[in-house]
Structures are given as structure tokens and as C-alpha cells.
Amino acid sequence: MRPFFSVLLCLLTIAPVTSFANAELQAAALAAGDAVEDHVIALRRHFHENPELSNREFKTAERIAEELKLLGLDPQTGIASTGVVAFIEGGKPGPLIALRADIDALPVEEKVDLPFASKARGTYRGNEVGVMHACGHDTHIAMLLGAAKALVGMREELAGSVMLVFQPAEEGAPEGETGGAARMLAEGLFDERKPEAIFGLHTFSGLPAGAVAYRSGPAMASSDRFVIKVRGKQTHGSRPWGGVDPIVTAAQIVMAVQTIASRQVDVTKAPSVISFGIIDGGVRNNIIPDEVELVGTIRNFDMGIREQIHAKLRHTARTIAESAGATADVTIDLGYPVTINNPALTAKMLPTVQRVVGDGGVFESPLVTGAEDFSYYALETPGLFLYLGGTPRGKDPSKAPSNHSPLFYVDESTLKVGVNVLTGLVIDYFAAPCVEPMANAQ
């Protein structure tokens, strides 16, 4: 990690990007966004009607590659199973930056009345399920393809190159498999050509269509799954002293764990949440069982505090169990890290978002306790992850069905805004690139 003062020097020696960017190129990009809008909508409807689950996005990847080839690009396929990557080489020398879209769908049966509604079926955890783009990844694919089409049309004027990343399995790889951003990086995504910055855009029902929200620094939480197996000694419910009760012990652990976030870590640095979602144990009302299993999730916005919580969770469970004569085995499965929007990059590019979206359409987002595997990229190179509104204008976003709902809906008027934001970020970044890569400071 490079020191803060290097970041500050980079920012102080670069004027706001809007003063450097070619106004004619900016105008051309907006015109290109208008020109590709119908094509982007058609692509979105195709992908929405034909969703595929994580690590199973075979036809999705084929269509993406076909579209990129039609633009004269040479897509690389099969990265992290179904990922697709292509490069737009600008006509002028300059840095490499990346744009990322996720491409997988969810095991959700669609309940939105649309002519292009999904009727797809798939297999999830051994069960047949409906499949739906209930988190807007269909729009992400379409917008990135639209931005690619716009940028290819002006590639001779681009002072740099663009890596297009179409990533599978953002929603999580099937059990026993790897996938997503971590696997793409492990398979060498940034090894030969590492981008100076990476940008992502996610449709979100909590904002009106065409609006964009941002947050500098930690923006989305880390997400970890934990399992605590409390083992006691079976006995009859009428004689609890004849064994060791794992149910009572588990209850004590559940209550004690609540003090980790509220009493044992510095709440002034970053909020955290520890939630239990499963308590499983016992088969009969009058038999105290041998074992109880507790399963839950940890959400946090600071990577250092994340490690503290893990250590305290293990210590709390084990010592309480020991005090009762039981044992507690704690397993923590690391999920996505904290999604951190590089502060310097955010400050640098915010004027671009404001220029493209217009007055009153850009908002500062609160912390989001959901998680995103864009976080892995942002740990490797400065990243900026934005939210794009999807709820039709005139409707209350706070009452709109949320992402992952079978009723999730994205107003297609927002797609052009997304394309324009992506192209605008590219053009304006190239107009005033940082001399050195900016540190990914939290």
C-alpha cells in the first residue's frame, strides 16, 4: 500500500477531470449512449429472459462473446469457468482501466408480469428451482456491452485502453466449487496487464431510475459465515444433571456473542453485525441431545475489526462451552471482504458522475450491509463501485421490491444513464490520469 501523501500529491497535481476532458468527446459519448439505447434494452431483455445460475452461465457467456466479436474485439473466454474478458485498445497512449459486470442469476422464480419474464429452470442444492435475474445482473451485462459499443466507436480518440470484465458467480459459487472475482484473479486476470483503476455499477431498487449513489471509503460490508457446534452429553430431560446440556450452553453463547459488536470492538470506527440464522439440535421434547449447531453471519466495515470479531467469536464460544463442561468447535468461512471505494479515485471521478447524471440525481449512499465480490478487485487496484437506481420515477423506492425479490424490477430508462456513466468515467479518467496508481487506502 502506498503512503497517503503519495495519494494526496497525485490529487493536488491534477485539476478536476472535467476541466481537462475534451468537451467534444464527452458530447460524442453522450450521443453514442443515445444511439445504443435500443440495442442495450434488447440485450437486457434477452439476458433477462434467459438467466443462468452461478458457474453455469454458458449461453450467457457465448452471447457476450458474440457481441464483442461483432464489435471487432477478441474476447477471452473460459476464465473462472464462464468469465469473458476483452480489451479496447485506444488510439492514443495512456493507462489501462477496467469496467466490470457480473453475469449470473439467482435461484428465484420470477413473479413480475413482463413479456420477457424468465421461465428458466435450474438445479440448486439438488432441487429444481426457478431462475431469475433478481439482482439486475442482466442490466449490468447489457450496459457494459452498450458502453463497449460506444467506446469502440471512438477508440481512436481514447488516450488509454479499457479492460471489459464479464464476471460469473458474483452471487456465490455452488457448494464445493470456486468462482467469481476471487477465482478470476487467481486465474491471472490482472497478471499480465493490471488496470490502474476499476469501475463497477449495480442497479438498485432503493433509488429512482436514473439516479446514482456513491460512497467514499468502506461502502459495503464484508460477509462471513460461521458455524458453532456445541457438544455436550445426552441425557433424559428429567435428569439434566446426568449429562451436559448443549441447548442451554448454546443459548448462553447466542446471548454472549451479542456483546461482541456492542461491547468488545470499537463502535466509533465501524459498525458490525453478528446474526444467528440457524439453531439446530434435538429430536424429542424429553431428551437432551448430544449436540446443537448454530449458524450465522458476520457483517463488518473494517478489515482489522473483522479479524478481531473472528477471534472474539471463537474465544466466547469455547470458553462458555468449557464453563458448562461442553465443547464448542467454531468454523468461520471467509466470504467477501469489505468493498472499499478508493477515496482519491472517488473524489476524482465524482464530478464526472454529476456531469453525466445532472443536478439532483447524485446521492451519497449510507453504508450497505450487503456484500459484493467487487471487493476483491478493489483490494488489488483502486476501485469505485456505484449504485444505479431502478425504480420507476413517481414510485416510492423505499416500498419497491428489493434486490433478490421475485418481484424485483428495473425500469429500462435507467440503462442509458448507466451506459453514459461508464463511458464518461473512461473518457474523463483518460483526460487526467494519475501519474502513479492511487493507493487503496481505507
Protein backbone atom coordinates (compact mmCIF):
# COMPACT_ATOMS: atom_id res chain seq x y z
CA MET A 1 0.00 0.00 0.00
CA ARG A 2 1.44 3.36 -1.00
CA PRO A 3 1.50 6.13 1.62
CA PHE A 4 -1.31 8.63 1.99
CA PHE A 5 0.88 11.57 0.98
CA SER A 6 1.53 9.96 -2.40
CA VAL A 7 -2.22 9.88 -2.96
CA LEU A 8 -2.57 13.48 -1.82
CA LEU A 9 0.25 14.64 -4.11
CA CYS A 10 -1.39 12.90 -7.05
CA LEU A 11 -4.67 14.67 -6.38
CA LEU A 12 -3.13 18.08 -5.78
CA THR A 13 -1.22 17.97 -9.05
CA ILE A 14 -4.30 17.11 -11.10
CA ALA A 15 -7.11 19.55 -11.74
CA PRO A 16 -10.71 18.27 -11.72
CA VAL A 17 -11.17 15.90 -14.63
CA THR A 18 -13.98 17.94 -16.15
CA SER A 19 -11.59 20.80 -16.89
CA PHE A 20 -9.26 18.52 -18.84
CA ALA A 21 -11.70 16.32 -20.70
CA ASN A 22 -12.39 17.01 -24.34
CA ALA A 23 -15.87 18.55 -24.44
CA GLU A 24 -16.42 17.25 -27.96
CA LEU A 25 -15.52 13.71 -26.88
CA GLN A 26 -17.85 13.99 -23.87
CA ALA A 27 -20.66 15.10 -26.17
CA ALA A 28 -19.88 12.29 -28.58
CA ALA A 29 -20.07 9.79 -25.74
CA LEU A 30 -23.49 11.02 -24.69
CA ALA A 31 -24.68 10.84 -28.30
CA ALA A 32 -23.33 7.29 -28.51
CA GLY A 33 -25.30 6.42 -25.40
CA ASP A 34 -28.46 7.62 -27.13
CA ALA A 35 -27.59 5.66 -30.25
CA VAL A 36 -27.07 2.34 -28.45
CA GLU A 37 -30.06 2.61 -26.10
CA ASP A 38 -32.41 0.41 -28.13
CA HIS A 39 -29.71 -2.23 -28.58
CA VAL A 40 -28.95 -2.19 -24.85
CA ILE A 41 -32.63 -2.65 -23.99
CA ALA A 42 -32.89 -5.56 -26.45
CA LEU A 43 -29.81 -7.19 -24.91
CA ARG A 44 -31.17 -6.69 -21.42
CA ARG A 45 -34.42 -8.40 -22.35
CA HIS A 46 -32.56 -11.31 -23.92
CA PHE A 47 -30.42 -11.89 -20.84
CA HIS A 48 -33.37 -11.39 -18.50
CA GLU A 49 -35.42 -14.00 -20.34
CA ASN A 50 -32.52 -16.47 -20.39
CA PRO A 51 -30.86 -16.36 -16.95
CA GLU A 52 -28.32 -18.90 -15.73
CA LEU A 53 -27.10 -19.74 -12.24
CA SER A 54 -23.59 -19.12 -10.91
CA ASN A 55 -20.83 -21.03 -12.73
CA ARG A 56 -23.47 -22.22 -15.22
CA GLU A 57 -23.59 -19.08 -17.39
CA PHE A 58 -22.61 -20.96 -20.56
CA LYS A 59 -25.09 -19.47 -23.05
CA THR A 60 -24.77 -16.07 -21.41
CA ALA A 61 -21.01 -16.14 -21.96
CA GLU A 62 -21.47 -17.29 -25.56
CA ARG A 63 -23.78 -14.37 -26.32
CA ILE A 64 -21.42 -11.90 -24.64
CA ALA A 65 -18.51 -13.20 -26.72
CA GLU A 66 -20.60 -12.98 -29.90
CA GLU A 67 -21.48 -9.34 -29.18
CA LEU A 68 -17.85 -8.47 -28.51
CA LYS A 69 -16.72 -10.13 -31.73
CA LEU A 70 -19.29 -8.08 -33.64
CA LEU A 71 -17.51 -5.01 -32.26
CA GLY A 72 -14.22 -6.26 -33.69
CA LEU A 73 -12.84 -7.30 -30.32
CA ASP A 74 -11.07 -10.54 -29.44
CA PRO A 75 -12.76 -11.88 -26.30
CA GLN A 76 -11.01 -14.31 -23.99
CA THR A 77 -13.45 -16.93 -22.70
CA GLY A 78 -13.44 -19.66 -20.07
CA ILE A 79 -11.85 -17.52 -17.35
CA ALA A 80 -13.13 -18.72 -13.97
CA SER A 81 -15.24 -21.22 -15.93
CA THR A 82 -17.60 -18.84 -17.75
CA GLY A 83 -15.97 -15.42 -17.47
CA VAL A 84 -15.30 -13.29 -20.54
CA VAL A 85 -12.65 -10.57 -20.89
CA ALA A 86 -11.87 -8.25 -23.80
CA PHE A 87 -9.71 -5.18 -24.38
CA ILE A 88 -10.49 -1.97 -26.21
CA GLU A 89 -7.12 -0.57 -27.25
CA GLY A 90 -7.25 3.21 -27.52
CA GLY A 91 -5.70 5.07 -30.41
CA LYS A 92 -3.53 7.15 -28.08
CA PRO A 93 -1.11 6.08 -25.34
CA GLY A 94 -2.41 6.06 -21.81
CA PRO A 95 -3.32 3.90 -18.83
CA LEU A 96 -5.38 0.73 -18.69
CA ILE A 97 -8.60 0.84 -16.66
CA ALA A 98 -11.25 -1.84 -16.17
CA LEU A 99 -15.04 -1.95 -16.27
CA ARG A 100 -16.75 -4.92 -14.61
CA ALA A 101 -20.19 -6.50 -14.94
CA ASP A 102 -21.42 -9.62 -13.14
CA ILE A 103 -23.43 -12.10 -15.23
CA ASP A 104 -25.08 -14.74 -13.01
CA ALA A 105 -28.70 -15.06 -11.88
CA LEU A 106 -30.39 -16.30 -8.72
CA PRO A 107 -32.46 -19.37 -7.77
CA VAL A 108 -35.62 -17.24 -7.64
CA GLU A 109 -38.86 -17.83 -9.53
CA GLU A 110 -39.93 -14.63 -11.25
CA LYS A 111 -43.30 -13.11 -10.37
CA VAL A 112 -43.07 -9.93 -12.46
CA ASP A 113 -45.57 -9.75 -15.31
CA LEU A 114 -43.26 -8.98 -18.23
CA PRO A 115 -43.36 -10.18 -21.84
CA PHE A 116 -39.69 -11.19 -21.39
CA ALA A 117 -40.08 -12.66 -17.90
CA SER A 118 -37.89 -15.64 -17.10
CA LYS A 119 -39.36 -19.11 -17.33
CA ALA A 120 -35.96 -20.75 -16.88
CA ARG A 121 -35.40 -23.63 -14.51
CA GLY A 122 -32.21 -24.84 -12.90
CA THR A 123 -30.82 -27.04 -10.16
CA TYR A 124 -29.75 -25.52 -6.86
CA ARG A 125 -28.57 -27.64 -3.93
CA GLY A 126 -30.10 -30.70 -5.56
CA ASN A 127 -33.53 -29.14 -6.06
CA GLU A 128 -35.20 -27.86 -9.22
CA VAL A 129 -35.74 -24.11 -8.92
CA GLY A 130 -36.86 -21.15 -10.94
CA VAL A 131 -34.04 -18.92 -12.17
CA MET A 132 -34.28 -15.12 -12.37
CA HIS A 133 -32.07 -12.09 -12.77
CA ALA A 134 -33.44 -10.81 -9.47
CA CYS A 135 -30.41 -8.62 -8.77
CA GLY A 136 -30.08 -6.78 -12.07
CA HIS A 137 -27.07 -8.58 -13.49
CA ASP A 138 -28.88 -8.73 -16.84
CA THR A 139 -28.79 -4.94 -16.90
CA HIS A 140 -25.12 -4.91 -15.94
CA ILE A 141 -24.22 -7.12 -18.90
CA ALA A 142 -26.28 -5.04 -21.30
CA MET A 143 -24.91 -1.71 -20.06
CA LEU A 144 -21.30 -2.86 -20.27
CA LEU A 145 -21.87 -4.16 -23.81
CA GLY A 146 -23.50 -0.83 -24.65
CA ALA A 147 -20.56 1.08 -23.20
CA ALA A 148 -18.20 -1.16 -25.17
CA LYS A 149 -20.06 -0.35 -28.38
CA ALA A 150 -19.90 3.37 -27.64
CA LEU A 151 -16.20 3.28 -26.74
CA VAL A 152 -15.23 1.21 -29.78
CA GLY A 153 -16.86 3.87 -31.93
CA MET A 154 -14.46 6.48 -30.55
CA ARG A 155 -11.46 4.26 -29.84
CA GLU A 156 -9.07 6.34 -31.96
CA GLU A 157 -9.67 9.27 -29.59
CA LEU A 158 -9.19 7.27 -26.40
CA ALA A 159 -5.96 8.06 -24.56
CA GLY A 160 -5.72 4.67 -22.93
CA SER A 161 -7.18 1.16 -23.03
CA VAL A 162 -10.16 -0.49 -21.39
CA MET A 163 -10.43 -3.99 -19.94
CA LEU A 164 -14.00 -5.30 -20.13
CA VAL A 165 -14.64 -7.86 -17.38
CA PHE A 166 -17.78 -10.02 -17.54
CA GLN A 167 -17.61 -11.97 -14.30
CA PRO A 168 -19.54 -15.12 -13.32
CA ALA A 169 -20.71 -16.29 -9.90
CA GLU A 170 -20.95 -12.99 -8.05
CA GLU A 171 -23.83 -14.49 -6.07
CA GLY A 172 -21.52 -17.26 -4.89
CA ALA A 173 -20.25 -20.45 -6.47
CA PRO A 174 -22.15 -23.71 -5.90
CA GLU A 175 -21.09 -25.70 -2.86
CA GLY A 176 -17.76 -27.40 -3.48
CA GLU A 177 -16.79 -25.03 -6.31
CA THR A 178 -14.86 -21.78 -6.56
CA GLY A 179 -15.88 -18.83 -8.64
CA GLY A 180 -16.41 -15.11 -9.01
CA ALA A 181 -13.91 -12.30 -8.71
CA ALA A 182 -11.54 -14.24 -6.46
CA ARG A 183 -11.26 -17.04 -8.99
CA MET A 184 -10.79 -14.65 -11.91
CA LEU A 185 -7.90 -13.01 -10.06
CA ALA A 186 -6.47 -16.39 -9.05
CA GLU A 187 -6.51 -17.42 -12.71
CA GLY A 188 -4.43 -14.39 -13.67
CA LEU A 189 -6.91 -11.66 -14.61
CA PHE A 190 -4.50 -8.89 -13.58
CA ASP A 191 -1.22 -10.78 -14.02
CA GLU A 192 -0.21 -9.63 -17.49
CA ARG A 193 -1.98 -6.28 -17.60
CA LYS A 194 -3.06 -4.75 -14.32
CA PRO A 195 -5.52 -1.86 -14.62
CA GLU A 196 -4.75 1.42 -12.92
CA ALA A 197 -8.37 1.59 -11.68
CA ILE A 198 -11.56 -0.45 -11.90
CA PHE A 199 -15.19 0.68 -12.00
CA GLY A 200 -18.42 -1.18 -11.31
CA LEU A 201 -22.10 -0.22 -11.47
CA HIS A 202 -25.02 -2.02 -9.79
CA THR A 203 -28.74 -1.44 -10.32
CA PHE A 204 -30.59 -0.94 -7.07
CA SER A 205 -34.31 -0.71 -6.31
CA GLY A 206 -33.73 1.70 -3.46
CA LEU A 207 -33.14 4.62 -5.86
CA PRO A 208 -35.31 6.15 -8.60
CA ALA A 209 -34.40 5.24 -12.17
CA GLY A 210 -31.56 7.39 -13.50
CA ALA A 211 -30.22 8.36 -10.08
CA VAL A 212 -26.75 7.32 -8.92
CA ALA A 213 -25.45 6.86 -5.38
CA TYR A 214 -21.83 6.68 -4.24
CA ARG A 215 -19.89 6.38 -1.01
CA SER A 216 -16.22 7.05 -0.44
CA GLY A 217 -14.21 4.57 1.62
CA PRO A 218 -15.90 1.47 3.06
CA ALA A 219 -19.21 1.15 1.20
CA MET A 220 -20.42 -2.45 1.51
CA ALA A 221 -19.81 -4.90 4.31
CA SER A 222 -17.68 -7.99 4.48
CA SER A 223 -19.75 -11.15 4.72
CA ASP A 224 -18.59 -14.20 6.65
CA ARG A 225 -20.47 -17.38 7.57
CA PHE A 226 -19.83 -19.13 10.85
CA VAL A 227 -20.82 -22.49 12.33
CA ILE A 228 -20.58 -23.30 16.04
CA LYS A 229 -21.02 -26.94 17.03
CA VAL A 230 -21.74 -27.22 20.73
CA ARG A 231 -21.18 -30.75 22.02
CA GLY A 232 -22.45 -31.92 25.39
CA LYS A 233 -23.61 -35.24 26.77
CA GLN A 234 -27.03 -36.75 26.07
CA THR A 235 -29.34 -37.41 28.99
CA HIS A 236 -33.04 -37.67 29.79
CA GLY A 237 -34.85 -34.37 30.16
CA SER A 238 -35.99 -35.38 33.63
CA ARG A 239 -32.37 -35.80 34.79
CA PRO A 240 -30.35 -32.90 33.28
CA TRP A 241 -27.63 -33.39 35.89
CA GLY A 242 -26.89 -36.75 34.28
CA GLY A 243 -25.41 -35.12 31.18
CA VAL A 244 -24.18 -31.81 29.75
CA ASP A 245 -26.90 -29.72 28.14
CA PRO A 246 -25.73 -28.27 24.78
CA ILE A 247 -29.02 -26.41 24.32
CA VAL A 248 -28.60 -24.25 27.40
CA THR A 249 -24.92 -23.80 26.56
CA ALA A 250 -25.81 -22.75 23.00
CA ALA A 251 -28.34 -20.25 24.36
CA GLN A 252 -25.64 -18.72 26.57
CA ILE A 253 -23.32 -18.46 23.56
CA VAL A 254 -26.00 -16.77 21.46
CA MET A 255 -26.59 -14.13 24.13
CA ALA A 256 -22.89 -13.58 24.88
CA VAL A 257 -21.98 -13.14 21.22
CA GLN A 258 -24.29 -10.11 21.08
CA THR A 259 -21.84 -8.26 23.31
CA ILE A 260 -19.00 -8.62 20.82
CA ALA A 261 -20.36 -5.96 18.46
CA SER A 262 -21.87 -3.82 21.21
CA ARG A 263 -19.16 -4.01 23.90
CA GLN A 264 -15.92 -5.56 22.69
CA VAL A 265 -14.98 -3.74 19.47
CA ASP A 266 -14.63 0.00 18.86
CA VAL A 267 -18.06 1.07 17.58
CA THR A 268 -16.70 4.52 16.70
CA LYS A 269 -14.54 3.06 13.93
CA ALA A 270 -17.09 1.00 12.00
CA PRO A 271 -20.40 -0.75 12.67
CA SER A 272 -20.68 -4.54 12.70
CA VAL A 273 -23.49 -7.07 12.85
CA ILE A 274 -23.43 -10.66 14.11
CA SER A 275 -26.62 -12.58 13.44
CA PHE A 276 -27.66 -16.18 14.07
CA GLY A 277 -29.84 -17.68 11.34
CA ILE A 278 -30.00 -21.36 12.33
CA ILE A 279 -30.23 -23.16 15.67
CA ASP A 280 -30.47 -26.90 15.12
CA GLY A 281 -30.46 -29.64 17.72
CA GLY A 282 -32.55 -32.28 19.42
CA VAL A 283 -35.20 -34.74 18.26
CA ARG A 284 -37.63 -35.09 21.17
CA ASN A 285 -39.08 -32.91 23.92
CA ASN A 286 -37.76 -35.01 26.81
CA ILE A 287 -34.29 -35.87 25.51
CA ILE A 288 -31.38 -33.53 25.99
CA PRO A 289 -29.24 -34.06 22.86
CA ASP A 290 -25.54 -34.50 22.41
CA GLU A 291 -25.08 -31.59 20.01
CA VAL A 292 -26.50 -28.27 18.88
CA GLU A 293 -25.41 -26.42 15.74
CA LEU A 294 -25.51 -22.64 15.46
CA VAL A 295 -25.08 -20.97 12.05
CA GLY A 296 -24.87 -17.26 11.40
CA THR A 297 -23.32 -14.34 9.54
CA ILE A 298 -20.90 -11.55 10.38
CA ARG A 299 -21.08 -8.19 8.59
CA ASN A 300 -18.43 -5.54 9.12
CA PHE A 301 -16.87 -2.46 7.50
CA ASP A 302 -13.26 -2.60 8.75
CA MET A 303 -10.84 -5.36 7.81
CA GLY A 304 -8.91 -5.10 11.10
CA ILE A 305 -12.06 -5.21 13.25
CA ARG A 306 -13.22 -8.14 11.13
CA GLU A 307 -10.24 -10.16 12.40
CA GLN A 308 -10.94 -9.07 15.99
CA ILE A 309 -14.56 -10.25 15.74
CA HIS A 310 -13.46 -13.64 14.43
CA ALA A 311 -11.05 -14.10 17.33
CA LYS A 312 -13.59 -12.96 19.93
CA LEU A 313 -16.30 -15.21 18.48
CA ARG A 314 -14.04 -18.25 18.83
CA HIS A 315 -12.96 -17.28 22.34
CA THR A 316 -16.51 -16.58 23.54
CA ALA A 317 -17.97 -19.82 22.23
CA ARG A 318 -15.15 -22.03 23.51
CA THR A 319 -14.87 -20.55 26.98
CA ILE A 320 -18.62 -20.54 27.65
CA ALA A 321 -18.82 -24.14 26.49
CA GLU A 322 -15.87 -25.06 28.70
CA SER A 323 -17.51 -23.44 31.72
CA ALA A 324 -20.52 -25.74 31.21
CA GLY A 325 -18.47 -28.85 30.67
CA ALA A 326 -19.19 -28.85 26.95
CA THR A 327 -17.04 -28.11 23.91
CA ALA A 328 -17.59 -25.70 21.03
CA ASP A 329 -15.96 -26.04 17.63
CA VAL A 330 -16.06 -22.79 15.64
CA THR A 331 -15.66 -22.67 11.87
CA ILE A 332 -15.60 -19.33 10.05
CA ASP A 333 -15.92 -19.37 6.28
CA LEU A 334 -14.48 -16.16 4.89
CA GLY A 335 -16.87 -14.53 2.47
CA TYR A 336 -16.43 -11.29 0.57
CA PRO A 337 -14.14 -8.61 2.07
CA VAL A 338 -15.27 -5.05 2.73
CA THR A 339 -15.99 -3.23 -0.52
CA ILE A 340 -13.82 -0.10 -0.32
CA ASN A 341 -14.24 2.76 -2.76
CA ASN A 342 -10.81 4.34 -3.04
CA PRO A 343 -11.23 7.85 -1.56
CA ALA A 344 -8.88 9.52 -4.03
CA LEU A 345 -10.49 7.83 -7.02
CA THR A 346 -13.98 8.65 -5.74
CA ALA A 347 -13.12 12.33 -5.32
CA LYS A 348 -11.50 12.39 -8.75
CA MET A 349 -14.45 10.85 -10.59
CA LEU A 350 -17.44 12.28 -8.69
CA PRO A 351 -17.58 15.37 -10.95
CA THR A 352 -17.94 13.01 -13.91
CA VAL A 353 -20.91 11.24 -12.35
CA GLN A 354 -22.50 14.59 -11.52
CA ARG A 355 -21.93 15.86 -15.05
CA VAL A 356 -23.48 12.80 -16.67
CA VAL A 357 -26.42 12.34 -14.33
CA GLY A 358 -27.25 16.00 -13.85
CA ASP A 359 -28.32 18.17 -10.94
CA GLY A 360 -30.15 16.44 -8.13
CA GLY A 361 -29.51 12.96 -9.43
CA VAL A 362 -26.42 12.01 -7.45
CA PHE A 363 -26.64 10.99 -3.80
CA GLU A 364 -24.26 9.92 -1.08
CA SER A 365 -25.15 6.39 -0.02
CA PRO A 366 -25.33 5.18 3.56
CA LEU A 367 -23.32 2.11 4.50
CA VAL A 368 -24.77 -1.02 2.91
CA THR A 369 -24.62 -4.22 4.97
CA GLY A 370 -24.94 -6.34 1.84
CA ALA A 371 -21.71 -7.68 0.34
CA GLU A 372 -20.17 -7.63 -3.14
CA ASP A 373 -17.25 -9.54 -4.61
CA PHE A 374 -16.17 -6.41 -6.49
CA SER A 375 -14.34 -6.01 -3.18
CA TYR A 376 -11.61 -8.42 -4.34
CA TYR A 377 -10.74 -6.22 -7.33
CA ALA A 378 -10.71 -3.11 -5.14
CA LEU A 379 -8.12 -4.73 -2.89
CA GLU A 380 -5.83 -5.19 -5.91
CA THR A 381 -6.24 -1.80 -7.58
CA PRO A 382 -8.18 1.39 -6.78
CA GLY A 383 -11.88 0.76 -7.31
CA LEU A 384 -15.13 2.72 -7.47
CA PHE A 385 -18.47 0.92 -7.16
CA LEU A 386 -21.65 2.90 -7.83
CA TYR A 387 -25.37 2.24 -7.38
CA LEU A 388 -27.77 2.97 -10.24
CA GLY A 389 -31.46 3.50 -9.47
CA GLY A 390 -34.00 1.12 -10.98
CA THR A 391 -37.40 2.04 -9.55
CA PRO A 392 -39.71 3.90 -11.97
CA ARG A 393 -39.95 7.62 -11.38
CA GLY A 394 -43.05 8.52 -9.38
CA LYS A 395 -42.91 5.36 -7.27
CA ASP A 396 -41.52 5.26 -3.75
CA PRO A 397 -38.16 3.42 -3.88
CA SER A 398 -38.45 2.59 -0.18
CA LYS A 399 -41.52 0.49 -0.97
CA ALA A 400 -40.17 -1.13 -4.14
CA PRO A 401 -39.38 -4.88 -4.06
CA SER A 402 -35.76 -5.24 -3.08
CA ASN A 403 -32.91 -6.85 -4.96
CA HIS A 404 -33.27 -10.67 -4.75
CA SER A 405 -37.06 -10.43 -4.58
CA PRO A 406 -39.15 -12.41 -7.14
CA LEU A 407 -40.84 -9.04 -7.78
CA PHE A 408 -37.59 -7.12 -8.40
CA TYR A 409 -37.96 -4.79 -11.38
CA VAL A 410 -35.65 -2.40 -13.22
CA ASP A 411 -37.07 0.48 -15.25
CA GLU A 412 -35.29 0.38 -18.60
CA SER A 413 -34.98 4.16 -18.79
CA THR A 414 -32.07 3.85 -16.37
CA LEU A 415 -29.96 1.76 -18.77
CA LYS A 416 -28.88 4.70 -20.91
CA VAL A 417 -27.76 6.55 -17.79
CA GLY A 418 -25.65 3.55 -16.80
CA VAL A 419 -24.03 3.40 -20.23
CA ASN A 420 -23.29 7.13 -20.12
CA VAL A 421 -21.77 6.88 -16.63
CA LEU A 422 -19.46 4.05 -17.69
CA THR A 423 -18.30 5.81 -20.86
CA GLY A 424 -17.98 9.11 -19.01
CA LEU A 425 -15.75 7.55 -16.36
CA VAL A 426 -13.47 6.17 -19.06
CA ILE A 427 -13.19 9.38 -21.05
CA ASP A 428 -12.67 11.66 -18.06
CA TYR A 429 -10.18 9.33 -16.37
CA PHE A 430 -8.11 9.22 -19.54
CA ALA A 431 -8.24 13.00 -19.74
CA ALA A 432 -6.45 13.35 -16.41
CA PRO A 433 -4.92 10.04 -15.31
CA CYS A 434 -2.97 9.82 -12.12
CA VAL A 435 0.78 9.73 -12.79
CA GLU A 436 1.07 6.78 -10.41
CA PRO A 437 -1.61 4.27 -9.30
CA MET A 438 -3.52 5.63 -6.34
CA ALA A 439 -3.25 3.77 -3.05
CA ASN A 440 -6.25 1.77 -1.98
CA ALA A 441 -6.48 3.44 1.40
CA GLN A 442 -9.39 2.66 3.68
